[in-house]
Each structure stands twice: as structure tokens, then as C-alpha cells.
């Protein structure tokens, strides 16, 4: 979720819920597959530089 208060509003422990969501491999896989076209474009435009790769990997897009 975008806002950590969403978890608390749903009655969940916000810290644990964020940790579980961050470790969710299914979500990471969906993000990678939905952004594959973007990553291909960025690669062809030579925009996937070292610093950019760090952030894309952190966001599970690569």
C-alpha cells in the first residue's frame, strides 16, 4: 500500500504488514512483468545507468 495508515485502518500491525508486503515475491513479480516494456525502452534509450539501476532494483523492477 502507498500509505502506511492503510494497514492500521484495516486493523493490522502497520510495521509487520509493511515488512510482509515488502517480502511478497508475487507482488515483486507482478511489478517486474508490468514494467517490462518500460525497462526495455529505458535500456534501448541507454537510460539504465548505474545509479538508475540501483533504484530500479530496489523497487523490484529489475
PDB file of N, CA and C in Angstrom:
ATOM      1  N   UNK A   1       0.833  -1.175   0.000  1.00  0.00           N
ATOM      2  CA  UNK A   1       0.000   0.000   0.000  1.00  0.00           C
ATOM      3  C   UNK A   1       0.883   1.246   0.000  1.00  0.00           C
ATOM      4  N   UNK A   2       0.360   2.309  -0.477  1.00  0.00           N
ATOM      5  CA  UNK A   2       1.111   3.553  -0.574  1.00  0.00           C
ATOM      6  C   UNK A   2       1.249   4.223   0.782  1.00  0.00           C
ATOM      7  N   UNK A   3       0.184   4.245   1.535  1.00  0.00           N
ATOM      8  CA  UNK A   3       0.169   4.939   2.815  1.00  0.00           C
ATOM      9  C   UNK A   3       0.151   3.916   3.942  1.00  0.00           C
ATOM     10  N   UNK A   4       1.098   4.038   4.874  1.00  0.00           N
ATOM     11  CA  UNK A   4       1.173   3.047   5.948  1.00  0.00           C
ATOM     12  C   UNK A   4      -0.043   3.066   6.862  1.00  0.00           C
ATOM     13  N   UNK A   5      -0.806   4.163   6.874  1.00  0.00           N
ATOM     14  CA  UNK A   5      -2.018   4.228   7.692  1.00  0.00           C
ATOM     15  C   UNK A   5      -3.097   3.282   7.188  1.00  0.00           C
ATOM     16  N   UNK A   6      -3.015   2.893   5.929  1.00  0.00           N
ATOM     17  CA  UNK A   6      -3.994   1.969   5.366  1.00  0.00           C
ATOM     18  C   UNK A   6      -3.977   0.658   6.141  1.00  0.00           C
ATOM     19  N   UNK A   7      -2.796   0.186   6.484  1.00  0.00           N
ATOM     20  CA  UNK A   7      -2.683  -1.060   7.242  1.00  0.00           C
ATOM     21  C   UNK A   7      -3.308  -0.920   8.624  1.00  0.00           C
ATOM     22  N   UNK A   8      -3.022   0.193   9.293  1.00  0.00           N
ATOM     23  CA  UNK A   8      -3.591   0.420  10.622  1.00  0.00           C
ATOM     24  C   UNK A   8      -5.112   0.545  10.546  1.00  0.00           C
ATOM     25  N   UNK A   9      -5.608   1.216   9.521  1.00  0.00           N
ATOM     26  CA  UNK A   9      -7.054   1.363   9.348  1.00  0.00           C
ATOM     27  C   UNK A   9      -7.736   0.027   9.081  1.00  0.00           C
ATOM     28  N   UNK A  10      -6.975  -0.931   8.530  1.00  0.00           N
ATOM     29  CA  UNK A  10      -7.523  -2.263   8.278  1.00  0.00           C
ATOM     30  C   UNK A  10      -7.394  -3.160   9.506  1.00  0.00           C
ATOM     31  N   UNK A  11      -6.838  -2.605  10.596  1.00  0.00           N
ATOM     32  CA  UNK A  11      -6.705  -3.377  11.827  1.00  0.00           C
ATOM     33  C   UNK A  11      -5.454  -4.221  11.885  1.00  0.00           C
ATOM     34  N   UNK A  12      -4.467  -3.909  11.049  1.00  0.00           N
ATOM     35  CA  UNK A  12      -3.230  -4.677  11.022  1.00  0.00           C
ATOM     36  C   UNK A  12      -2.114  -3.917  11.727  1.00  0.00           C
ATOM     37  N   UNK A  13      -1.122  -4.651  12.190  1.00  0.00           N
ATOM     38  CA  UNK A  13       0.083  -4.042  12.727  1.00  0.00           C
ATOM     39  C   UNK A  13       0.825  -3.448  11.535  1.00  0.00           C
ATOM     40  N   UNK A  14       0.931  -2.121  11.480  1.00  0.00           N
ATOM     41  CA  UNK A  14       1.479  -1.436  10.305  1.00  0.00           C
ATOM     42  C   UNK A  14       2.912  -1.862  10.014  1.00  0.00           C
ATOM     43  N   UNK A  15       3.744  -1.990  11.023  1.00  0.00           N
ATOM     44  CA  UNK A  15       5.135  -2.386  10.820  1.00  0.00           C
ATOM     45  C   UNK A  15       5.261  -3.777  10.232  1.00  0.00           C
ATOM     46  N   UNK A  16       4.535  -4.710  10.814  1.00  0.00           N
ATOM     47  CA  UNK A  16       4.597  -6.089  10.317  1.00  0.00           C
ATOM     48  C   UNK A  16       3.987  -6.200   8.924  1.00  0.00           C
ATOM     49  N   UNK A  17       2.882  -5.495   8.694  1.00  0.00           N
ATOM     50  CA  UNK A  17       2.229  -5.551   7.388  1.00  0.00           C
ATOM     51  C   UNK A  17       3.143  -5.006   6.296  1.00  0.00           C
ATOM     52  N   UNK A  18       3.849  -3.920   6.575  1.00  0.00           N
ATOM     53  CA  UNK A  18       4.779  -3.358   5.590  1.00  0.00           C
ATOM     54  C   UNK A  18       5.934  -4.327   5.323  1.00  0.00           C
ATOM     55  N   UNK A  19       6.420  -4.975   6.373  1.00  0.00           N
ATOM     56  CA  UNK A  19       7.504  -5.944   6.198  1.00  0.00           C
ATOM     57  C   UNK A  19       7.041  -7.126   5.352  1.00  0.00           C
ATOM     58  N   UNK A  20       5.836  -7.612   5.612  1.00  0.00           N
ATOM     59  CA  UNK A  20       5.296  -8.730   4.837  1.00  0.00           C
ATOM     60  C   UNK A  20       5.080  -8.329   3.380  1.00  0.00           C
ATOM     61  N   UNK A  21       4.559  -7.139   3.159  1.00  0.00           N
ATOM     62  CA  UNK A  21       4.325  -6.668   1.795  1.00  0.00           C
ATOM     63  C   UNK A  21       5.649  -6.500   1.058  1.00  0.00           C
ATOM     64  N   UNK A  22       6.665  -6.019   1.738  1.00  0.00           N
ATOM     65  CA  UNK A  22       7.969  -5.833   1.122  1.00  0.00           C
ATOM     66  C   UNK A  22       8.641  -7.139   0.735  1.00  0.00           C
ATOM     67  N   UNK A  23       8.278  -8.214   1.422  1.00  0.00           N
ATOM     68  CA  UNK A  23       8.877  -9.524   1.146  1.00  0.00           C
ATOM     69  C   UNK A  23       8.017 -10.383   0.216  1.00  0.00           C
ATOM     70  N   UNK A  24       6.918  -9.844  -0.278  1.00  0.00           N
ATOM     71  CA  UNK A  24       5.979 -10.593  -1.096  1.00  0.00           C
ATOM     72  C   UNK A  24       6.523 -10.771  -2.514  1.00  0.00           C
ATOM     73  N   UNK A  25       6.991 -11.963  -2.834  1.00  0.00           N
ATOM     74  CA  UNK A  25       7.592 -12.249  -4.136  1.00  0.00           C
ATOM     75  C   UNK A  25       6.577 -12.167  -5.274  1.00  0.00           C
ATOM     76  N   UNK A  26       5.326 -12.486  -4.989  1.00  0.00           N
ATOM     77  CA  UNK A  26       4.295 -12.392  -6.030  1.00  0.00           C
ATOM     78  C   UNK A  26       4.124 -10.942  -6.463  1.00  0.00           C
ATOM     79  N   UNK A  27       4.074 -10.026  -5.514  1.00  0.00           N
ATOM     80  CA  UNK A  27       3.944  -8.604  -5.823  1.00  0.00           C
ATOM     81  C   UNK A  27       5.148  -8.115  -6.620  1.00  0.00           C
ATOM     82  N   UNK A  28       6.338  -8.529  -6.212  1.00  0.00           N
ATOM     83  CA  UNK A  28       7.549  -8.121  -6.929  1.00  0.00           C
ATOM     84  C   UNK A  28       7.523  -8.637  -8.368  1.00  0.00           C
ATOM     85  N   UNK A  29       7.071  -9.859  -8.557  1.00  0.00           N
ATOM     86  CA  UNK A  29       6.985 -10.444  -9.891  1.00  0.00           C
ATOM     87  C   UNK A  29       5.994  -9.680 -10.763  1.00  0.00           C
ATOM     88  N   UNK A  30       4.859  -9.312 -10.186  1.00  0.00           N
ATOM     89  CA  UNK A  30       3.867  -8.536 -10.938  1.00  0.00           C
ATOM     90  C   UNK A  30       4.422  -7.176 -11.336  1.00  0.00           C
ATOM     91  N   UNK A  31       5.162  -6.538 -10.450  1.00  0.00           N
ATOM     92  CA  UNK A  31       5.770  -5.244 -10.759  1.00  0.00           C
ATOM     93  C   UNK A  31       6.756  -5.377 -11.913  1.00  0.00           C
ATOM     94  N   UNK A  32       7.594  -6.422 -11.863  1.00  0.00           N
ATOM     95  CA  UNK A  32       8.575  -6.634 -12.940  1.00  0.00           C
ATOM     96  C   UNK A  32       7.882  -6.873 -14.276  1.00  0.00           C
ATOM     97  N   UNK A  33       6.859  -7.711 -14.283  1.00  0.00           N
ATOM     98  CA  UNK A  33       6.200  -8.021 -15.556  1.00  0.00           C
ATOM     99  C   UNK A  33       5.412  -6.827 -16.081  1.00  0.00           C
ATOM    100  N   UNK A  34       4.798  -6.045 -15.212  1.00  0.00           N
ATOM    101  CA  UNK A  34       4.029  -4.900 -15.689  1.00  0.00           C
ATOM    102  C   UNK A  34       4.924  -3.771 -16.187  1.00  0.00           C
ATOM    103  N   UNK A  35       6.163  -3.720 -15.727  1.00  0.00           N
ATOM    104  CA  UNK A  35       7.088  -2.657 -16.147  1.00  0.00           C
ATOM    105  C   UNK A  35       8.119  -3.134 -17.161  1.00  0.00           C
ATOM    106  N   UNK A  36       7.935  -4.324 -17.700  1.00  0.00           N
ATOM    107  CA  UNK A  36       8.943  -4.854 -18.619  1.00  0.00           C
ATOM    108  C   UNK A  36       9.084  -3.981 -19.865  1.00  0.00           C
ATOM    109  N   UNK A  37       7.980  -3.458 -20.385  1.00  0.00           N
ATOM    110  CA  UNK A  37       8.045  -2.585 -21.547  1.00  0.00           C
ATOM    111  C   UNK A  37       8.818  -1.308 -21.252  1.00  0.00           C
ATOM    112  N   UNK A  38       8.578  -0.749 -20.083  1.00  0.00           N
ATOM    113  CA  UNK A  38       9.302   0.455 -19.679  1.00  0.00           C
ATOM    114  C   UNK A  38      10.792   0.174 -19.560  1.00  0.00           C
ATOM    115  N   UNK A  39      11.134  -0.953 -18.957  1.00  0.00           N
ATOM    116  CA  UNK A  39      12.547  -1.286 -18.793  1.00  0.00           C
ATOM    117  C   UNK A  39      13.221  -1.514 -20.147  1.00  0.00           C
ATOM    118  N   UNK A  40      12.505  -2.129 -21.102  1.00  0.00           N
ATOM    119  CA  UNK A  40      13.058  -2.311 -22.446  1.00  0.00           C
ATOM    120  C   UNK A  40      13.319  -0.963 -23.105  1.00  0.00           C
ATOM    121  N   UNK A  41      12.352  -0.043 -22.971  1.00  0.00           N
ATOM    122  CA  UNK A  41      12.528   1.287 -23.549  1.00  0.00           C
ATOM    123  C   UNK A  41      13.716   2.005 -22.923  1.00  0.00           C
ATOM    124  N   UNK A  42      13.786   2.000 -21.600  1.00  0.00           N
ATOM    125  CA  UNK A  42      14.888   2.690 -20.918  1.00  0.00           C
ATOM    126  C   UNK A  42      16.231   2.093 -21.315  1.00  0.00           C
ATOM    127  N   UNK A  43      16.263   0.792 -21.469  1.00  0.00           N
ATOM    128  CA  UNK A  43      17.501   0.135 -21.889  1.00  0.00           C
ATOM    129  C   UNK A  43      17.890   0.543 -23.310  1.00  0.00           C
ATOM    130  N   UNK A  44      16.919   0.561 -24.214  1.00  0.00           N
ATOM    131  CA  UNK A  44      17.217   0.933 -25.601  1.00  0.00           C
ATOM    132  C   UNK A  44      17.626   2.396 -25.719  1.00  0.00           C
ATOM    133  N   UNK A  45      17.131   3.241 -24.818  1.00  0.00           N
ATOM    134  CA  UNK A  45      17.499   4.656 -24.821  1.00  0.00           C
ATOM    135  C   UNK A  45      18.762   4.912 -23.998  1.00  0.00           C
ATOM    136  N   UNK A  46      19.356   3.820 -23.500  1.00  0.00           N
ATOM    137  CA  UNK A  46      20.585   3.883 -22.684  1.00  0.00           C
ATOM    138  C   UNK A  46      20.400   4.749 -21.426  1.00  0.00           C
ATOM    139  N   UNK A  47      19.233   4.609 -20.824  1.00  0.00           N
ATOM    140  CA  UNK A  47      18.939   5.360 -19.604  1.00  0.00           C
ATOM    141  C   UNK A  47      19.083   4.513 -18.347  1.00  0.00           C
ATOM    142  N   UNK A  48      19.435   3.248 -18.503  1.00  0.00           N
ATOM    143  CA  UNK A  48      19.642   2.380 -17.345  1.00  0.00           C
ATOM    144  C   UNK A  48      21.108   2.461 -16.918  1.00  0.00           C
ATOM    145  N   UNK A  49      21.446   3.566 -16.329  1.00  0.00           N
ATOM    146  CA  UNK A  49      22.810   3.779 -15.855  1.00  0.00           C
ATOM    147  C   UNK A  49      22.977   3.132 -14.487  1.00  0.00           C
ATOM    148  N   UNK A  50      24.194   3.107 -14.001  1.00  0.00           N
ATOM    149  CA  UNK A  50      24.476   2.503 -12.694  1.00  0.00           C
ATOM    150  C   UNK A  50      23.613   3.046 -11.570  1.00  0.00           C
ATOM    151  N   UNK A  51      23.554   4.380 -11.380  1.00  0.00           N
ATOM    152  CA  UNK A  51      22.718   4.914 -10.309  1.00  0.00           C
ATOM    153  C   UNK A  51      21.233   4.586 -10.503  1.00  0.00           C
ATOM    154  N   UNK A  52      20.770   4.623 -11.755  1.00  0.00           N
ATOM    155  CA  UNK A  52      19.362   4.309 -12.011  1.00  0.00           C
ATOM    156  C   UNK A  52      19.071   2.844 -11.697  1.00  0.00           C
ATOM    157  N   UNK A  53      19.997   1.961 -12.057  1.00  0.00           N
ATOM    158  CA  UNK A  53      19.805   0.533 -11.786  1.00  0.00           C
ATOM    159  C   UNK A  53      19.631   0.257 -10.302  1.00  0.00           C
ATOM    160  N   UNK A  54      20.359   0.984  -9.478  1.00  0.00           N
ATOM    161  CA  UNK A  54      20.244   0.811  -8.032  1.00  0.00           C
ATOM    162  C   UNK A  54      18.790   1.003  -7.593  1.00  0.00           C
ATOM    163  N   UNK A  55      18.166   2.077  -8.066  1.00  0.00           N
ATOM    164  CA  UNK A  55      16.791   2.371  -7.648  1.00  0.00           C
ATOM    165  C   UNK A  55      15.778   1.423  -8.279  1.00  0.00           C
ATOM    166  N   UNK A  56      15.999   1.041  -9.532  1.00  0.00           N
ATOM    167  CA  UNK A  56      15.075   0.101 -10.163  1.00  0.00           C
ATOM    168  C   UNK A  56      15.149  -1.277  -9.518  1.00  0.00           C
ATOM    169  N   UNK A  57      16.316  -1.705  -9.130  1.00  0.00           N
ATOM    170  CA  UNK A  57      16.453  -2.980  -8.422  1.00  0.00           C
ATOM    171  C   UNK A  57      15.808  -2.898  -7.047  1.00  0.00           C
ATOM    172  N   UNK A  58      16.005  -1.780  -6.380  1.00  0.00           N
ATOM    173  CA  UNK A  58      15.413  -1.603  -5.054  1.00  0.00           C
ATOM    174  C   UNK A  58      13.887  -1.638  -5.117  1.00  0.00           C
ATOM    175  N   UNK A  59      13.344  -1.131  -6.220  1.00  0.00           N
ATOM    176  CA  UNK A  59      11.899  -1.135  -6.412  1.00  0.00           C
ATOM    177  C   UNK A  59      11.395  -2.456  -7.013  1.00  0.00           C
ATOM    178  N   UNK A  60      12.280  -3.419  -7.180  1.00  0.00           N
ATOM    179  CA  UNK A  60      11.962  -4.748  -7.733  1.00  0.00           C
ATOM    180  C   UNK A  60      11.480  -4.678  -9.168  1.00  0.00           C
ATOM    181  N   UNK A  61      11.985  -3.719  -9.929  1.00  0.00           N
ATOM    182  CA  UNK A  61      11.597  -3.613 -11.334  1.00  0.00           C
ATOM    183  C   UNK A  61      12.578  -4.318 -12.239  1.00  0.00           C
ATOM    184  N   UNK A  62      13.724  -4.688 -11.702  1.00  0.00           N
ATOM    185  CA  UNK A  62      14.737  -5.424 -12.471  1.00  0.00           C
ATOM    186  C   UNK A  62      15.080  -6.679 -11.692  1.00  0.00           C
TER     187      UNK A  62
END
